[in-house]
Amino acid sequence: MRKKKTSLADKIFVVCNTLFMIAFVVVTLYPVLNTLAISFNDGIDAIRGGIYLIPRKFTLKNYATVIHKQNMLTGAYISVMRTVIGTVIALAANALLAFIVSRKRFLFKSQLSLFWVVTMYVNGGMIPVFLLYKGLHLTNSFWVYVVPGAVSAFNMLVLRTYMQGLPDSLEESAQLDGAGYMTIFAKIISPLCKPVYATVALFVAVGQWNSWFDAMLYNRMKSEYTTLQYELMKLLSSVMQQSGSADSMKTVSGNAITPTSIRAAATIVTMLPIVCLYPFLQRYFVAGLTIGGVKE
């Protein structure tokens, strides 16, 4: 077989596209690798600058300071629990609601969708929300992290839009075989919604893992319900306050640290679980699982 001759324009396009992608990867990865290098570098030495991809004075003092902080293990446990439980509950609640609203026979679906869209732009404010949670006995408890965010208008609309794109023939054929709505949702719709489920789950998990303001606002007096992000924020704030203009301080153990090194270590600790989780969800970020499911 004769090989297709590649034109000069095609070669130029391939070269330019390759160079662009390499530049894009460098721009994307460099900040992460630079932060990793600073987190493993001595804090006082990091003030000098000039650290790019490799630590100049390797040390684990920054991570030891972060890990050994009071309530850090408790905060990590609560963060993991709220991420897992909150993601599962939010995904189940939004999926069920989206399935109901996406059905063509459901009345008032347009009105309800409009109502939920309005909630994305209008809210009652911090004080009314705090009083509401307090009246519902959600403050000073773990469930304030899970219950308020169980239903999200944005996530529900994303799921509803995806479900509306599935062929109606799948549901109709299942109904002819005597399947009810719960059976259709569990055995027909949900397996085909794995890509959008993974996307929404990642959105919710990242939001739950990175959240710290709700811990400060609703569980500030309950150290047993603190979160990892809140503890890291308090650690960074205390380091910056004690450092003053010298941009350095001495810990109790005598190890020299700086806000720059602590910030880098806290950033790596924060992003590590999400970075480890993403590769397992990435393969679901594809569409077209319904192709071939229905033969017209």
Protein backbone atom coordinates (compact mmCIF):
# COMPACT_ATOMS: atom_id res chain seq x y z
CA MET A 1 0.00 0.00 0.00
CA ARG A 2 1.23 3.45 -0.89
CA LYS A 3 1.76 5.81 2.01
CA LYS A 4 -0.10 9.08 1.89
CA LYS A 5 2.29 11.93 1.20
CA THR A 6 2.44 14.47 3.99
CA SER A 7 2.34 18.07 2.82
CA LEU A 8 4.52 20.83 4.19
CA ALA A 9 1.50 22.50 5.80
CA ASP A 10 0.68 19.31 7.70
CA LYS A 11 4.25 19.03 8.97
CA ILE A 12 4.23 22.65 10.14
CA PHE A 13 0.92 22.10 11.90
CA VAL A 14 2.21 18.99 13.71
CA VAL A 15 5.37 20.79 14.84
CA CYS A 16 3.48 23.86 16.05
CA ASN A 17 0.87 21.74 17.79
CA THR A 18 3.57 19.69 19.54
CA LEU A 19 5.44 22.79 20.69
CA PHE A 20 2.22 24.34 21.96
CA MET A 21 1.29 21.24 23.96
CA ILE A 22 4.79 21.02 25.46
CA ALA A 23 4.60 24.68 26.48
CA PHE A 24 1.13 24.11 27.93
CA VAL A 25 2.35 21.16 30.01
CA VAL A 26 5.33 23.17 31.29
CA VAL A 27 3.13 26.12 32.25
CA THR A 28 0.71 23.79 34.02
CA LEU A 29 3.21 21.64 35.91
CA TYR A 30 5.85 24.19 36.83
CA PRO A 31 3.88 25.92 39.65
CA VAL A 32 3.12 22.54 41.22
CA LEU A 33 6.71 21.31 40.98
CA ASN A 34 8.03 24.64 42.25
CA THR A 35 5.70 24.50 45.26
CA LEU A 36 6.82 20.93 45.92
CA ALA A 37 10.48 21.98 45.83
CA ILE A 38 9.89 24.87 48.24
CA SER A 39 7.96 22.60 50.62
CA PHE A 40 11.02 20.33 50.91
CA ASN A 41 13.45 23.24 51.25
CA ASP A 42 14.69 24.90 54.42
CA GLY A 43 12.49 27.86 55.31
CA ILE A 44 15.25 30.40 55.92
CA ASP A 45 17.04 29.37 52.74
CA ALA A 46 13.80 29.66 50.76
CA ILE A 47 13.68 33.40 51.51
CA ARG A 48 16.73 33.90 49.29
CA GLY A 49 14.72 32.72 46.29
CA GLY A 50 16.18 30.97 43.29
CA ILE A 51 14.43 27.67 44.00
CA TYR A 52 12.85 26.23 40.87
CA LEU A 53 12.40 22.46 40.57
CA ILE A 54 14.92 21.03 43.05
CA PRO A 55 15.24 21.91 46.77
CA ARG A 56 18.51 23.65 47.63
CA LYS A 57 18.56 22.53 51.29
CA PHE A 58 16.40 19.44 51.68
CA THR A 59 14.41 19.17 54.91
CA LEU A 60 11.21 17.64 56.26
CA LYS A 61 10.74 20.30 58.96
CA ASN A 62 7.93 21.99 57.06
CA TYR A 63 5.85 18.81 56.83
CA ALA A 64 6.70 17.90 60.44
CA THR A 65 5.37 21.29 61.55
CA VAL A 66 2.16 20.79 59.59
CA ILE A 67 1.55 17.19 60.67
CA HIS A 68 2.40 17.70 64.35
CA LYS A 69 0.11 20.68 64.78
CA GLN A 70 -2.60 20.20 67.38
CA ASN A 71 -5.90 18.81 66.04
CA MET A 72 -4.33 18.11 62.64
CA LEU A 73 -5.14 14.38 62.72
CA THR A 74 -8.67 15.11 63.91
CA GLY A 75 -9.10 17.64 61.12
CA ALA A 76 -7.80 15.16 58.54
CA TYR A 77 -10.25 12.50 59.77
CA ILE A 78 -13.21 14.89 59.66
CA SER A 79 -12.20 16.13 56.21
CA VAL A 80 -12.03 12.59 54.86
CA MET A 81 -15.37 11.69 56.43
CA ARG A 82 -17.16 14.78 55.16
CA THR A 83 -15.68 14.28 51.69
CA VAL A 84 -16.75 10.64 51.44
CA ILE A 85 -20.16 10.94 53.11
CA GLY A 86 -20.96 14.32 51.58
CA THR A 87 -20.07 13.15 48.08
CA VAL A 88 -22.14 9.98 48.31
CA ILE A 89 -25.20 11.74 49.74
CA ALA A 90 -24.96 14.68 47.33
CA LEU A 91 -24.54 12.42 44.31
CA ALA A 92 -27.49 10.23 45.31
CA ALA A 93 -29.77 13.17 46.09
CA ASN A 94 -28.92 15.13 42.95
CA ALA A 95 -29.16 12.05 40.72
CA LEU A 96 -32.62 11.12 42.03
CA LEU A 97 -33.84 14.70 41.70
CA ALA A 98 -32.38 15.04 38.22
CA PHE A 99 -34.00 11.78 37.13
CA ILE A 100 -37.40 12.98 38.30
CA VAL A 101 -37.11 16.38 36.63
CA SER A 102 -35.78 14.90 33.39
CA ARG A 103 -38.90 12.75 32.87
CA LYS A 104 -41.15 14.18 30.16
CA ARG A 105 -44.31 13.22 32.03
CA PHE A 106 -43.34 15.09 35.18
CA LEU A 107 -45.47 18.21 35.66
CA PHE A 108 -44.00 21.59 36.56
CA LYS A 109 -40.47 20.49 35.62
CA SER A 110 -39.82 23.78 33.81
CA GLN A 111 -41.07 25.84 36.74
CA LEU A 112 -39.00 23.86 39.24
CA SER A 113 -35.91 24.14 37.09
CA LEU A 114 -36.36 27.91 36.92
CA PHE A 115 -36.80 28.02 40.70
CA TRP A 116 -33.53 26.15 41.23
CA VAL A 117 -31.71 28.41 38.78
CA VAL A 118 -32.81 31.43 40.81
CA THR A 119 -31.24 29.93 43.95
CA MET A 120 -27.88 29.93 42.16
CA TYR A 121 -27.90 33.73 42.07
CA VAL A 122 -29.92 34.71 45.16
CA ASN A 123 -29.45 33.63 48.77
CA GLY A 124 -30.63 34.77 52.18
CA GLY A 125 -27.27 36.01 53.42
CA MET A 126 -24.86 34.76 56.06
CA ILE A 127 -26.80 35.75 59.19
CA PRO A 128 -30.19 34.30 58.11
CA VAL A 129 -28.47 31.10 56.97
CA PHE A 130 -26.64 30.83 60.29
CA LEU A 131 -29.88 31.33 62.24
CA LEU A 132 -31.60 28.74 60.04
CA TYR A 133 -28.88 26.15 60.66
CA LYS A 134 -28.96 26.92 64.36
CA GLY A 135 -32.73 26.47 64.44
CA LEU A 136 -32.34 23.14 62.68
CA HIS A 137 -29.68 22.10 65.25
CA LEU A 138 -27.04 21.74 62.55
CA THR A 139 -24.47 24.02 64.16
CA ASN A 140 -21.87 22.41 66.42
CA SER A 141 -22.37 19.11 64.62
CA PHE A 142 -20.83 17.10 61.80
CA TRP A 143 -23.99 17.19 59.67
CA VAL A 144 -23.65 20.89 58.94
CA TYR A 145 -20.98 19.83 56.44
CA VAL A 146 -23.24 17.34 54.66
CA VAL A 147 -26.93 18.28 54.83
CA PRO A 148 -26.88 21.88 53.48
CA GLY A 149 -24.92 20.88 50.40
CA ALA A 150 -26.80 17.66 49.70
CA VAL A 151 -28.71 19.28 46.83
CA SER A 152 -26.97 21.66 44.46
CA ALA A 153 -28.87 23.41 41.69
CA PHE A 154 -25.82 23.42 39.41
CA ASN A 155 -25.04 19.72 39.86
CA MET A 156 -28.70 18.79 39.50
CA LEU A 157 -29.01 20.71 36.24
CA VAL A 158 -25.83 19.09 34.90
CA LEU A 159 -27.20 15.63 35.67
CA ARG A 160 -30.65 16.50 34.31
CA THR A 161 -29.21 17.77 31.02
CA TYR A 162 -27.19 14.59 30.56
CA MET A 163 -30.17 12.35 31.36
CA GLN A 164 -32.35 14.22 28.91
CA GLY A 165 -29.87 13.37 26.18
CA LEU A 166 -30.31 9.62 26.69
CA PRO A 167 -32.57 7.85 24.17
CA ASP A 168 -36.20 7.55 25.24
CA SER A 169 -36.30 4.08 23.71
CA LEU A 170 -34.27 2.73 26.62
CA GLU A 171 -36.90 3.73 29.14
CA GLU A 172 -39.79 2.69 26.92
CA SER A 173 -38.37 -0.77 26.29
CA ALA A 174 -37.79 -1.26 30.02
CA GLN A 175 -41.38 -0.22 30.78
CA LEU A 176 -42.66 -2.75 28.25
CA ASP A 177 -40.82 -5.41 30.23
CA GLY A 178 -42.59 -4.28 33.41
CA ALA A 179 -39.78 -2.23 34.98
CA GLY A 180 -40.70 0.55 37.39
CA TYR A 181 -39.08 3.94 37.66
CA MET A 182 -36.67 2.90 40.41
CA THR A 183 -35.58 -0.10 38.35
CA ILE A 184 -35.12 2.10 35.29
CA PHE A 185 -33.08 4.58 37.33
CA ALA A 186 -30.88 1.97 38.99
CA LYS A 187 -30.34 -0.46 36.09
CA ILE A 188 -30.80 1.63 32.94
CA ILE A 189 -30.07 5.30 33.59
CA SER A 190 -27.37 5.15 36.26
CA PRO A 191 -24.99 2.81 34.37
CA LEU A 192 -25.17 5.12 31.36
CA CYS A 193 -24.53 8.20 33.54
CA LYS A 194 -21.13 7.09 34.85
CA PRO A 195 -19.28 9.95 33.08
CA VAL A 196 -21.49 12.69 34.50
CA TYR A 197 -21.63 10.94 37.88
CA ALA A 198 -17.84 10.96 38.02
CA THR A 199 -17.74 14.62 37.04
CA VAL A 200 -20.26 15.69 39.65
CA ALA A 201 -18.61 13.48 42.28
CA LEU A 202 -15.28 15.16 41.60
CA PHE A 203 -16.87 18.61 41.85
CA VAL A 204 -18.48 17.77 45.20
CA ALA A 205 -15.40 16.00 46.58
CA VAL A 206 -13.09 18.90 45.75
CA GLY A 207 -15.52 21.37 47.30
CA GLN A 208 -15.89 19.30 50.47
CA TRP A 209 -12.16 18.69 50.81
CA ASN A 210 -11.15 22.33 50.31
CA SER A 211 -13.89 23.85 52.45
CA TRP A 212 -12.86 25.54 55.71
CA PHE A 213 -15.14 28.55 56.12
CA ASP A 214 -18.10 26.47 57.32
CA ALA A 215 -15.91 24.89 60.01
CA MET A 216 -14.91 28.34 61.25
CA LEU A 217 -18.46 29.66 61.09
CA TYR A 218 -20.50 26.78 62.49
CA ASN A 219 -18.08 24.56 64.47
CA ARG A 220 -15.50 27.02 65.72
CA MET A 221 -16.10 26.08 69.36
CA LYS A 222 -16.10 22.32 68.64
CA SER A 223 -12.54 21.15 68.09
CA GLU A 224 -13.72 17.58 67.51
CA TYR A 225 -15.46 18.77 64.31
CA THR A 226 -12.58 20.82 62.93
CA THR A 227 -11.35 20.21 59.40
CA LEU A 228 -7.90 19.87 57.89
CA GLN A 229 -8.24 23.00 55.79
CA TYR A 230 -9.32 25.06 58.79
CA GLU A 231 -6.35 23.85 60.84
CA LEU A 232 -3.96 24.60 57.97
CA MET A 233 -5.45 28.07 57.65
CA LYS A 234 -4.96 28.72 61.37
CA LEU A 235 -1.39 27.42 61.18
CA LEU A 236 -0.54 29.66 58.25
CA SER A 237 -2.15 32.67 59.95
CA SER A 238 -0.21 32.08 63.16
CA VAL A 239 3.08 31.70 61.28
CA MET A 240 2.52 34.95 59.38
CA GLN A 241 1.57 36.84 62.54
CA GLN A 242 4.59 35.61 64.49
CA SER A 243 7.02 36.09 61.61
CA GLY A 244 6.59 39.85 61.39
CA SER A 245 8.69 41.70 58.87
CA ALA A 246 11.53 39.18 59.08
CA ASP A 247 9.42 36.58 57.34
CA SER A 248 10.72 33.87 59.65
CA MET A 249 10.06 32.36 63.05
CA LYS A 250 11.16 29.65 65.44
CA THR A 251 8.89 26.81 66.30
CA VAL A 252 8.75 25.24 69.73
CA SER A 253 11.17 22.54 68.66
CA GLY A 254 13.65 25.15 67.41
CA ASN A 255 13.15 24.43 63.71
CA ALA A 256 13.26 27.53 61.53
CA ILE A 257 10.27 27.87 59.26
CA THR A 258 8.76 30.67 57.23
CA PRO A 259 5.29 31.47 55.89
CA THR A 260 6.56 30.65 52.40
CA SER A 261 7.71 27.15 53.32
CA ILE A 262 4.64 26.43 55.47
CA ARG A 263 2.34 27.66 52.72
CA ALA A 264 4.03 25.36 50.22
CA ALA A 265 3.82 22.34 52.54
CA ALA A 266 0.17 23.06 53.35
CA THR A 267 -0.62 23.38 49.64
CA ILE A 268 0.92 19.99 48.86
CA VAL A 269 -0.90 18.33 51.78
CA THR A 270 -4.16 19.87 50.58
CA MET A 271 -3.89 18.91 46.92
CA LEU A 272 -2.32 15.44 47.32
CA PRO A 273 -5.57 13.48 47.92
CA ILE A 274 -7.32 15.13 44.97
CA VAL A 275 -4.33 14.49 42.71
CA CYS A 276 -4.38 10.82 43.73
CA LEU A 277 -8.15 10.58 43.18
CA TYR A 278 -8.34 12.25 39.79
CA PRO A 279 -6.66 9.50 37.69
CA PHE A 280 -9.33 7.01 38.81
CA LEU A 281 -12.14 9.33 37.66
CA GLN A 282 -10.51 10.62 34.49
CA ARG A 283 -11.37 7.55 32.44
CA TYR A 284 -15.07 8.27 32.99
CA PHE A 285 -14.77 11.76 31.50
CA VAL A 286 -15.89 10.53 28.13
CA ALA A 287 -19.18 10.65 26.35
CA GLY A 288 -20.94 8.39 23.95
CA LEU A 289 -21.56 5.38 26.21
CA THR A 290 -25.06 5.16 24.77
CA ILE A 291 -23.81 4.66 21.21
CA GLY A 292 -24.99 1.27 20.10
CA GLY A 293 -27.35 0.92 23.04
CA VAL A 294 -30.40 1.40 20.83
CA LYS A 295 -30.79 0.14 17.30
CA GLU A 296 -33.17 2.29 15.29
